[in-house]
Amino acid sequence: MSLSPEAIATLSGVSTATITTVLLKKGLRNVWMRGTKPLRPGQPRLVGPAFTLRFVPAREDLATPESWSSPISTRTAIEAMPAGCIAVVDAMGVADAGIFGDILCARMVKRGVAALITDGVVRDVEGVLGTNLPVWCNGFAAPPSVAGLTFVGWGEPIGCGGVAVFPNDIVVADQDGAVLIPQALLDHVLAEGPEQERMEAWIVNEVNNGAVLPGLYPMNAETKARYAATKK
């Protein structure tokens, strides 16, 4: 799935916090991927379709350096990543085995991958930062992935940070972490997200001008009328 430039531009102006609020109103409570923190402070908000990868617990006969040459390997998966995708990796929250290092991240940059998101950790952190690949993860560790994980595949439903992620679901990541937008709700978020941002910006301005919170946030009927008048 490819996102239109217009959709990317719209979602780039909607915070992950706002997206969680919009989806909460549709009954979705579990869309924020736990443990996905920006590796570099100040990373810009990024948007893209999910390219999923999955690890399971390490098994000694499978999690070996030789497995890196297997047809089912992170190396092979990277070569299947389309430009503009966001790689979302289920590392089961394992914090003592780095799933990707600088070489793999450098190749992802060459392939035009927008970002890497995982509930696990990366390694070679200085080199990873040097690739300028935007990364959201739960930290970094020196040992390689095979020290604690076995890679088993890509392009299938995964769990990342406690969230079910299906291939081509939409991912938005910013300073608050990464959130998921189900494909079926993309149009709803595109319509409601910018309006939620406008409304909250107006509320902030009211607060800065001395307004009290009761009746303002959430809005009562009088406040809704005043806000509606500003849009005419």
Protein backbone atom coordinates (compact mmCIF):
# COMPACT_ATOMS: atom_id res chain seq x y z
CA MET A 1 0.00 0.00 0.00
CA SER A 2 1.26 3.46 -0.86
CA LEU A 3 0.01 6.61 0.81
CA SER A 4 -0.80 9.65 -1.28
CA PRO A 5 1.38 12.74 -0.76
CA GLU A 6 -1.77 14.51 0.44
CA ALA A 7 -2.43 11.87 3.11
CA ILE A 8 1.18 11.99 4.29
CA ALA A 9 1.08 15.78 4.46
CA THR A 10 -2.17 15.74 6.45
CA LEU A 11 -1.00 13.14 8.96
CA SER A 12 2.34 14.92 9.34
CA GLY A 13 0.36 17.76 10.89
CA VAL A 14 -1.52 15.55 13.35
CA SER A 15 0.17 14.48 16.57
CA THR A 16 0.15 10.91 17.82
CA ALA A 17 -1.66 12.18 20.91
CA THR A 18 -4.44 13.56 18.73
CA ILE A 19 -4.62 10.33 16.71
CA THR A 20 -5.11 8.29 19.89
CA THR A 21 -7.97 10.61 20.87
CA VAL A 22 -9.63 10.35 17.46
CA LEU A 23 -9.36 6.55 17.51
CA LEU A 24 -10.53 6.36 21.13
CA LYS A 25 -13.76 8.00 20.02
CA LYS A 26 -14.15 5.10 17.56
CA GLY A 27 -13.60 2.57 20.36
CA LEU A 28 -9.92 1.79 19.73
CA ARG A 29 -7.91 2.04 22.97
CA ASN A 30 -4.79 0.06 22.13
CA VAL A 31 -2.95 1.75 19.26
CA TRP A 32 0.14 3.22 20.97
CA MET A 33 3.17 0.93 20.74
CA ARG A 34 4.78 0.69 24.15
CA GLY A 35 8.54 1.11 24.29
CA THR A 36 8.82 3.00 21.01
CA LYS A 37 10.87 6.04 21.95
CA PRO A 38 12.77 8.28 19.53
CA LEU A 39 16.42 7.28 19.45
CA ARG A 40 17.39 10.83 18.54
CA PRO A 41 15.54 13.65 20.35
CA GLY A 42 13.78 16.00 17.99
CA GLN A 43 13.13 13.51 15.21
CA PRO A 44 10.41 14.89 12.92
CA ARG A 45 7.00 13.26 12.78
CA LEU A 46 6.97 10.49 10.18
CA VAL A 47 4.17 8.65 8.41
CA GLY A 48 4.18 5.45 6.37
CA PRO A 49 2.69 2.02 5.75
CA ALA A 50 3.91 -0.74 8.05
CA PHE A 51 6.35 -3.35 6.78
CA THR A 52 6.26 -5.97 9.52
CA LEU A 53 9.05 -8.22 10.81
CA ARG A 54 8.88 -10.77 13.62
CA PHE A 55 11.29 -12.32 16.11
CA VAL A 56 10.57 -15.15 18.55
CA PRO A 57 12.62 -16.29 21.55
CA ALA A 58 16.10 -17.53 20.73
CA ARG A 59 16.53 -21.22 20.08
CA GLU A 60 20.13 -22.33 20.07
CA ASP A 61 19.94 -24.42 16.90
CA LEU A 62 18.38 -21.54 14.96
CA ALA A 63 19.70 -18.33 16.51
CA THR A 64 23.25 -18.53 15.17
CA PRO A 65 25.49 -16.20 13.15
CA GLU A 66 25.04 -18.65 10.27
CA SER A 67 21.32 -17.81 10.25
CA TRP A 68 22.18 -14.36 8.90
CA SER A 69 22.82 -16.05 5.52
CA SER A 70 19.51 -17.93 5.56
CA PRO A 71 16.78 -17.11 3.02
CA ILE A 72 14.67 -16.20 6.06
CA SER A 73 16.84 -13.48 7.54
CA THR A 74 16.70 -9.82 8.37
CA ARG A 75 19.04 -9.24 5.42
CA THR A 76 16.57 -10.78 2.99
CA ALA A 77 13.66 -8.95 4.58
CA ILE A 78 15.38 -5.59 4.13
CA GLU A 79 15.70 -6.25 0.41
CA ALA A 80 11.90 -6.66 0.27
CA MET A 81 11.18 -3.31 1.95
CA PRO A 82 9.58 -0.79 -0.43
CA ALA A 83 10.59 2.85 -0.42
CA GLY A 84 8.53 4.95 1.97
CA CYS A 85 7.58 2.10 4.29
CA ILE A 86 8.10 2.10 8.04
CA ALA A 87 9.70 -1.12 9.27
CA VAL A 88 7.83 -2.28 12.39
CA VAL A 89 9.63 -5.04 14.26
CA ASP A 90 8.21 -7.36 16.90
CA ALA A 91 11.17 -8.01 19.21
CA MET A 92 8.96 -9.06 22.14
CA GLY A 93 10.36 -6.20 24.20
CA VAL A 94 13.71 -7.98 24.57
CA ALA A 95 16.19 -5.37 25.79
CA ASP A 96 19.51 -7.24 25.73
CA ALA A 97 19.82 -8.19 22.05
CA GLY A 98 20.05 -5.51 19.36
CA ILE A 99 17.84 -6.40 16.40
CA PHE A 100 19.56 -4.12 13.86
CA GLY A 101 22.91 -2.34 13.78
CA ASP A 102 24.54 0.29 11.62
CA ILE A 103 25.08 -1.86 8.50
CA LEU A 104 21.47 -3.00 8.26
CA CYS A 105 20.20 0.50 8.98
CA ALA A 106 22.49 1.94 6.31
CA ARG A 107 21.01 -0.47 3.77
CA MET A 108 17.50 0.54 4.81
CA VAL A 109 18.40 4.16 4.13
CA LYS A 110 19.62 3.20 0.64
CA ARG A 111 16.32 1.46 -0.01
CA GLY A 112 14.36 4.56 0.98
CA VAL A 113 12.83 3.15 4.15
CA ALA A 114 11.22 5.98 6.11
CA ALA A 115 11.91 4.70 9.65
CA LEU A 116 12.49 1.75 11.96
CA ILE A 117 10.14 1.12 14.86
CA THR A 118 10.54 -1.66 17.40
CA ASP A 119 9.65 -2.58 20.95
CA GLY A 120 13.18 -3.97 21.22
CA VAL A 121 16.60 -2.34 21.00
CA VAL A 122 19.27 -1.59 18.41
CA ARG A 123 23.04 -2.07 18.58
CA ASP A 124 26.03 -0.10 17.23
CA VAL A 125 24.07 2.94 18.35
CA GLU A 126 26.70 5.49 17.31
CA GLY A 127 26.77 4.01 13.83
CA VAL A 128 22.98 3.76 13.65
CA LEU A 129 22.72 7.45 14.49
CA GLY A 130 25.30 8.12 11.80
CA THR A 131 23.06 6.57 9.14
CA ASN A 132 20.39 9.20 9.88
CA LEU A 133 17.69 6.53 9.73
CA PRO A 134 14.93 7.69 12.08
CA VAL A 135 14.55 5.03 14.78
CA TRP A 136 11.98 4.55 17.52
CA CYS A 137 13.03 1.80 19.94
CA ASN A 138 13.37 0.89 23.61
CA GLY A 139 17.09 1.63 23.87
CA PHE A 140 20.28 -0.07 22.78
CA ALA A 141 22.46 -3.04 23.68
CA ALA A 142 25.77 -4.43 22.45
CA PRO A 143 24.84 -8.13 21.86
CA PRO A 144 23.46 -9.16 18.45
CA SER A 145 19.91 -10.32 17.86
CA VAL A 146 20.85 -14.02 17.97
CA ALA A 147 21.95 -13.59 21.59
CA GLY A 148 18.30 -13.47 22.59
CA LEU A 149 16.04 -13.75 19.54
CA THR A 150 15.31 -15.83 16.45
CA PHE A 151 14.13 -14.08 13.31
CA VAL A 152 11.22 -15.91 11.70
CA GLY A 153 9.67 -13.80 8.99
CA TRP A 154 8.18 -10.66 7.54
CA GLY A 155 5.00 -9.43 5.91
CA GLU A 156 2.62 -10.98 8.45
CA PRO A 157 0.60 -9.73 11.43
CA ILE A 158 2.76 -9.03 14.47
CA GLY A 159 2.52 -7.60 17.96
CA CYS A 160 4.72 -4.57 18.61
CA GLY A 161 4.64 -2.94 22.00
CA GLY A 162 1.41 -4.74 22.80
CA VAL A 163 -0.34 -3.54 19.62
CA ALA A 164 -1.55 -5.76 16.78
CA VAL A 165 0.08 -4.52 13.57
CA PHE A 166 -0.94 -5.81 10.16
CA PRO A 167 1.08 -5.22 7.00
CA ASN A 168 0.21 -1.86 5.43
CA ASP A 169 -1.51 -0.48 8.50
CA ILE A 170 -0.56 3.18 8.77
CA VAL A 171 2.07 4.18 11.33
CA VAL A 172 2.67 7.68 12.65
CA ALA A 173 5.63 8.34 14.95
CA ASP A 174 6.70 11.49 16.80
CA GLN A 175 8.14 12.51 20.16
CA ASP A 176 5.36 10.65 22.01
CA GLY A 177 6.19 7.37 20.26
CA ALA A 178 4.49 5.39 17.50
CA VAL A 179 0.79 4.82 16.91
CA LEU A 180 -1.11 2.65 14.48
CA ILE A 181 -4.02 3.62 12.26
CA PRO A 182 -5.96 0.62 10.88
CA GLN A 183 -6.32 0.88 7.11
CA ALA A 184 -10.11 0.89 7.41
CA LEU A 185 -9.99 4.01 9.63
CA LEU A 186 -7.48 6.02 7.62
CA ASP A 187 -10.09 8.22 5.95
CA HIS A 188 -11.75 8.89 9.31
CA VAL A 189 -8.45 10.02 10.87
CA LEU A 190 -7.63 12.14 7.82
CA ALA A 191 -10.97 13.91 8.23
CA GLU A 192 -11.12 14.21 12.01
CA GLY A 193 -7.45 14.61 12.96
CA PRO A 194 -6.88 18.11 11.56
CA GLU A 195 -10.16 19.33 13.05
CA GLN A 196 -9.17 17.95 16.48
CA GLU A 197 -5.85 19.81 16.17
CA ARG A 198 -7.62 23.07 15.23
CA MET A 199 -10.06 22.74 18.11
CA GLU A 200 -7.34 22.05 20.68
CA ALA A 201 -5.23 24.95 19.37
CA TRP A 202 -8.24 27.22 19.87
CA ILE A 203 -8.71 25.86 23.41
CA VAL A 204 -5.04 26.48 24.23
CA ASN A 205 -5.43 30.06 23.03
CA GLU A 206 -8.47 30.48 25.25
CA VAL A 207 -6.50 29.14 28.23
CA ASN A 208 -3.64 31.52 27.48
CA ASN A 209 -6.19 34.35 27.49
CA GLY A 210 -7.32 33.39 31.00
CA ALA A 211 -10.31 31.10 30.37
CA VAL A 212 -11.13 28.55 33.06
CA LEU A 213 -11.30 24.84 32.18
CA PRO A 214 -14.86 23.91 33.25
CA GLY A 215 -17.04 24.34 30.18
CA LEU A 216 -14.03 24.85 27.97
CA TYR A 217 -12.37 21.46 28.05
CA PRO A 218 -14.52 19.58 27.33
CA MET A 219 -16.66 22.19 25.63
CA ASN A 220 -20.18 22.97 26.82
CA ALA A 221 -22.84 24.18 24.38
CA GLU A 222 -21.90 27.86 24.74
CA THR A 223 -18.21 27.15 24.08
CA LYS A 224 -19.05 24.97 21.09
CA ALA A 225 -21.06 27.83 19.64
CA ARG A 226 -18.21 30.30 20.15
CA TYR A 227 -15.77 27.89 18.53
CA ALA A 228 -18.10 27.25 15.61
CA ALA A 229 -18.37 30.96 15.03
CA THR A 230 -14.61 31.22 14.54
CA LYS A 231 -14.81 28.82 11.60
CA LYS A 232 -17.32 30.87 9.61
